[in-house]
Structure formats: C-alpha cells, structure tokens
Amino acid sequence: LSGLIFLALYIIVLTTYYYQQKDVIGGMAIAGVSVFVIGLFFWLAGVLNNAVFGIILGVMVVGFIALWVENK
C-alpha cells in the first residue's frame, strides 16, 4: 500500500511540474527527488520497507540520468 501512495505522489508532482513548465524530463527529476526525500523520512521511521525504498531510489536515479543525458 505504501508503494502505491508514493507512486501517486510521484505522478502528482510530475504532472504538476509538466503543466507548469512543459518539461517532462525536469519533472521526472523533481518528482524523483521529492518522493525520495519524503520516502527517506518514512524509511528511517520504519514505515517503508526496503524494497519500496529501493524502487524510489531507482526512480530518482533514472530521472537524474535522463536529465543529465538531455543536457549533455
């Protein structure tokens, strides 16, 4: 259930950033970082398990790689 909540949060941040800036790659990076920071707090509190936090970390890395490749 916690994975679905973080997926919904990622999609909300991504679509909000896209509608404001019209930039999908930047939205992926911003959404990845925001979900990572919130997920880190929940993971440290023991609410979030390691598998879901690993997926969140992977999504953040993919967003940064896409942003880095686009700017190169």
N, C-alpha and C. Protein backbone atom coordinates (compact mmCIF):
# COMPACT_ATOMS: atom_id res chain seq x y z
N LEU A 1 0.82 -1.20 0.00
CA LEU A 1 0.00 0.00 0.00
C LEU A 1 0.86 1.26 0.00
N SER A 2 1.98 1.22 0.71
CA SER A 2 2.83 2.40 0.77
C SER A 2 3.46 2.70 -0.59
N GLY A 3 3.74 1.65 -1.36
CA GLY A 3 4.29 1.85 -2.70
C GLY A 3 3.32 2.58 -3.60
N LEU A 4 2.04 2.25 -3.48
CA LEU A 4 1.03 2.93 -4.29
C LEU A 4 0.86 4.39 -3.89
N ILE A 5 1.00 4.66 -2.61
CA ILE A 5 0.90 6.05 -2.15
C ILE A 5 2.06 6.87 -2.72
N PHE A 6 3.26 6.31 -2.71
CA PHE A 6 4.40 7.03 -3.25
C PHE A 6 4.33 7.13 -4.77
N LEU A 7 3.75 6.14 -5.43
CA LEU A 7 3.54 6.23 -6.87
C LEU A 7 2.56 7.36 -7.19
N ALA A 8 1.50 7.47 -6.41
CA ALA A 8 0.53 8.56 -6.62
C ALA A 8 1.18 9.91 -6.38
N LEU A 9 2.02 10.01 -5.36
CA LEU A 9 2.72 11.26 -5.08
C LEU A 9 3.66 11.62 -6.23
N TYR A 10 4.36 10.63 -6.77
CA TYR A 10 5.26 10.86 -7.91
C TYR A 10 4.48 11.38 -9.12
N ILE A 11 3.36 10.76 -9.41
CA ILE A 11 2.56 11.16 -10.56
C ILE A 11 1.99 12.57 -10.37
N ILE A 12 1.55 12.88 -9.16
CA ILE A 12 1.01 14.22 -8.89
C ILE A 12 2.08 15.29 -9.09
N VAL A 13 3.27 15.06 -8.55
CA VAL A 13 4.35 16.04 -8.70
C VAL A 13 4.77 16.14 -10.17
N LEU A 14 4.87 15.00 -10.85
CA LEU A 14 5.29 15.01 -12.26
C LEU A 14 4.30 15.77 -13.13
N THR A 15 3.01 15.50 -12.98
CA THR A 15 2.02 16.18 -13.82
C THR A 15 1.92 17.66 -13.47
N THR A 16 2.05 18.00 -12.20
CA THR A 16 2.00 19.41 -11.82
C THR A 16 3.18 20.17 -12.42
N TYR A 17 4.37 19.59 -12.33
CA TYR A 17 5.54 20.25 -12.91
C TYR A 17 5.42 20.33 -14.43
N TYR A 18 4.88 19.28 -15.06
CA TYR A 18 4.74 19.30 -16.52
C TYR A 18 3.76 20.39 -16.96
N TYR A 19 2.64 20.53 -16.27
CA TYR A 19 1.67 21.54 -16.65
C TYR A 19 2.20 22.96 -16.44
N GLN A 20 3.09 23.14 -15.48
CA GLN A 20 3.65 24.47 -15.23
C GLN A 20 4.81 24.79 -16.17
N GLN A 21 5.70 23.83 -16.41
CA GLN A 21 6.94 24.11 -17.14
C GLN A 21 7.00 23.47 -18.53
N LYS A 22 6.12 22.54 -18.84
CA LYS A 22 6.12 21.80 -20.11
C LYS A 22 7.45 21.07 -20.33
N ASP A 23 7.96 20.45 -19.28
CA ASP A 23 9.24 19.75 -19.32
C ASP A 23 9.10 18.42 -18.59
N VAL A 24 9.02 17.33 -19.36
CA VAL A 24 8.81 16.01 -18.77
C VAL A 24 10.07 15.53 -18.05
N ILE A 25 11.23 15.72 -18.66
CA ILE A 25 12.47 15.23 -18.07
C ILE A 25 12.77 15.96 -16.75
N GLY A 26 12.60 17.25 -16.73
CA GLY A 26 12.78 18.01 -15.49
C GLY A 26 11.76 17.59 -14.44
N GLY A 27 10.55 17.31 -14.88
CA GLY A 27 9.52 16.84 -13.96
C GLY A 27 9.87 15.50 -13.35
N MET A 28 10.49 14.63 -14.16
CA MET A 28 10.91 13.33 -13.62
C MET A 28 11.97 13.51 -12.54
N ALA A 29 12.90 14.42 -12.76
CA ALA A 29 13.96 14.66 -11.78
C ALA A 29 13.39 15.29 -10.51
N ILE A 30 12.53 16.29 -10.65
CA ILE A 30 11.94 16.95 -9.48
C ILE A 30 11.06 15.98 -8.71
N ALA A 31 10.24 15.21 -9.41
CA ALA A 31 9.36 14.26 -8.74
C ALA A 31 10.18 13.16 -8.06
N GLY A 32 11.25 12.72 -8.70
CA GLY A 32 12.09 11.69 -8.10
C GLY A 32 12.75 12.15 -6.82
N VAL A 33 13.25 13.38 -6.82
CA VAL A 33 13.90 13.90 -5.61
C VAL A 33 12.88 14.14 -4.50
N SER A 34 11.74 14.68 -4.84
CA SER A 34 10.74 14.96 -3.80
C SER A 34 10.22 13.68 -3.17
N VAL A 35 9.95 12.67 -3.99
CA VAL A 35 9.48 11.39 -3.45
C VAL A 35 10.60 10.70 -2.68
N PHE A 36 11.85 10.86 -3.12
CA PHE A 36 12.97 10.28 -2.39
C PHE A 36 13.12 10.89 -1.00
N VAL A 37 13.01 12.20 -0.90
CA VAL A 37 13.17 12.86 0.40
C VAL A 37 12.06 12.44 1.35
N ILE A 38 10.83 12.43 0.88
CA ILE A 38 9.71 12.01 1.73
C ILE A 38 9.84 10.53 2.07
N GLY A 39 10.22 9.72 1.08
CA GLY A 39 10.40 8.29 1.33
C GLY A 39 11.53 8.00 2.29
N LEU A 40 12.58 8.82 2.26
CA LEU A 40 13.69 8.64 3.20
C LEU A 40 13.23 8.83 4.64
N PHE A 41 12.41 9.83 4.87
CA PHE A 41 11.89 10.03 6.22
C PHE A 41 11.03 8.85 6.67
N PHE A 42 10.18 8.36 5.78
CA PHE A 42 9.34 7.21 6.13
C PHE A 42 10.17 5.94 6.31
N TRP A 43 11.22 5.79 5.51
CA TRP A 43 12.09 4.62 5.62
C TRP A 43 12.86 4.64 6.93
N LEU A 44 13.37 5.81 7.31
CA LEU A 44 14.09 5.93 8.58
C LEU A 44 13.17 5.73 9.78
N ALA A 45 11.90 6.07 9.63
CA ALA A 45 10.93 5.85 10.70
C ALA A 45 10.48 4.39 10.78
N GLY A 46 10.80 3.60 9.77
CA GLY A 46 10.44 2.19 9.78
C GLY A 46 9.09 1.88 9.16
N VAL A 47 8.46 2.86 8.55
CA VAL A 47 7.15 2.65 7.94
C VAL A 47 7.27 2.05 6.55
N LEU A 48 8.34 2.37 5.85
CA LEU A 48 8.55 1.95 4.47
C LEU A 48 9.56 0.81 4.43
N ASN A 49 9.25 -0.25 3.69
CA ASN A 49 10.19 -1.37 3.63
C ASN A 49 11.29 -1.11 2.61
N ASN A 50 12.30 -1.97 2.64
CA ASN A 50 13.50 -1.75 1.82
C ASN A 50 13.21 -1.87 0.33
N ALA A 51 12.32 -2.75 -0.07
CA ALA A 51 12.03 -2.94 -1.50
C ALA A 51 11.41 -1.69 -2.11
N VAL A 52 10.45 -1.12 -1.43
CA VAL A 52 9.79 0.09 -1.94
C VAL A 52 10.78 1.26 -1.96
N PHE A 53 11.61 1.36 -0.92
CA PHE A 53 12.60 2.44 -0.89
C PHE A 53 13.63 2.25 -2.00
N GLY A 54 13.99 1.02 -2.31
CA GLY A 54 14.91 0.76 -3.42
C GLY A 54 14.33 1.18 -4.75
N ILE A 55 13.05 0.94 -4.94
CA ILE A 55 12.38 1.36 -6.17
C ILE A 55 12.34 2.89 -6.26
N ILE A 56 12.06 3.54 -5.14
CA ILE A 56 12.06 5.01 -5.11
C ILE A 56 13.44 5.55 -5.46
N LEU A 57 14.47 4.95 -4.90
CA LEU A 57 15.84 5.36 -5.20
C LEU A 57 16.16 5.16 -6.68
N GLY A 58 15.71 4.04 -7.26
CA GLY A 58 15.93 3.78 -8.67
C GLY A 58 15.23 4.78 -9.57
N VAL A 59 14.02 5.15 -9.21
CA VAL A 59 13.27 6.14 -9.99
C VAL A 59 13.98 7.49 -9.96
N MET A 60 14.52 7.85 -8.80
CA MET A 60 15.26 9.11 -8.70
C MET A 60 16.51 9.08 -9.58
N VAL A 61 17.22 7.96 -9.57
CA VAL A 61 18.43 7.84 -10.39
C VAL A 61 18.09 7.91 -11.88
N VAL A 62 17.01 7.26 -12.28
CA VAL A 62 16.60 7.30 -13.69
C VAL A 62 16.25 8.73 -14.11
N GLY A 63 15.58 9.47 -13.25
CA GLY A 63 15.26 10.87 -13.56
C GLY A 63 16.50 11.72 -13.72
N PHE A 64 17.48 11.51 -12.85
CA PHE A 64 18.72 12.29 -12.96
C PHE A 64 19.53 11.89 -14.18
N ILE A 65 19.54 10.61 -14.53
CA ILE A 65 20.26 10.18 -15.73
C ILE A 65 19.61 10.79 -16.97
N ALA A 66 18.28 10.79 -17.02
CA ALA A 66 17.58 11.38 -18.16
C ALA A 66 17.86 12.87 -18.25
N LEU A 67 17.90 13.56 -17.12
CA LEU A 67 18.21 14.98 -17.12
C LEU A 67 19.64 15.24 -17.55
N TRP A 68 20.56 14.41 -17.11
CA TRP A 68 21.97 14.56 -17.46
C TRP A 68 22.20 14.30 -18.95
N VAL A 69 21.55 13.28 -19.51
CA VAL A 69 21.71 12.95 -20.93
C VAL A 69 21.09 14.05 -21.79
N GLU A 70 19.98 14.62 -21.35
CA GLU A 70 19.33 15.67 -22.12
C GLU A 70 20.20 16.93 -22.18
N ASN A 71 20.89 17.25 -21.11
CA ASN A 71 21.70 18.47 -21.06
C ASN A 71 23.08 18.29 -21.67
N LYS A 72 23.48 17.07 -21.97
CA LYS A 72 24.82 16.83 -22.48
C LYS A 72 24.95 17.12 -23.94
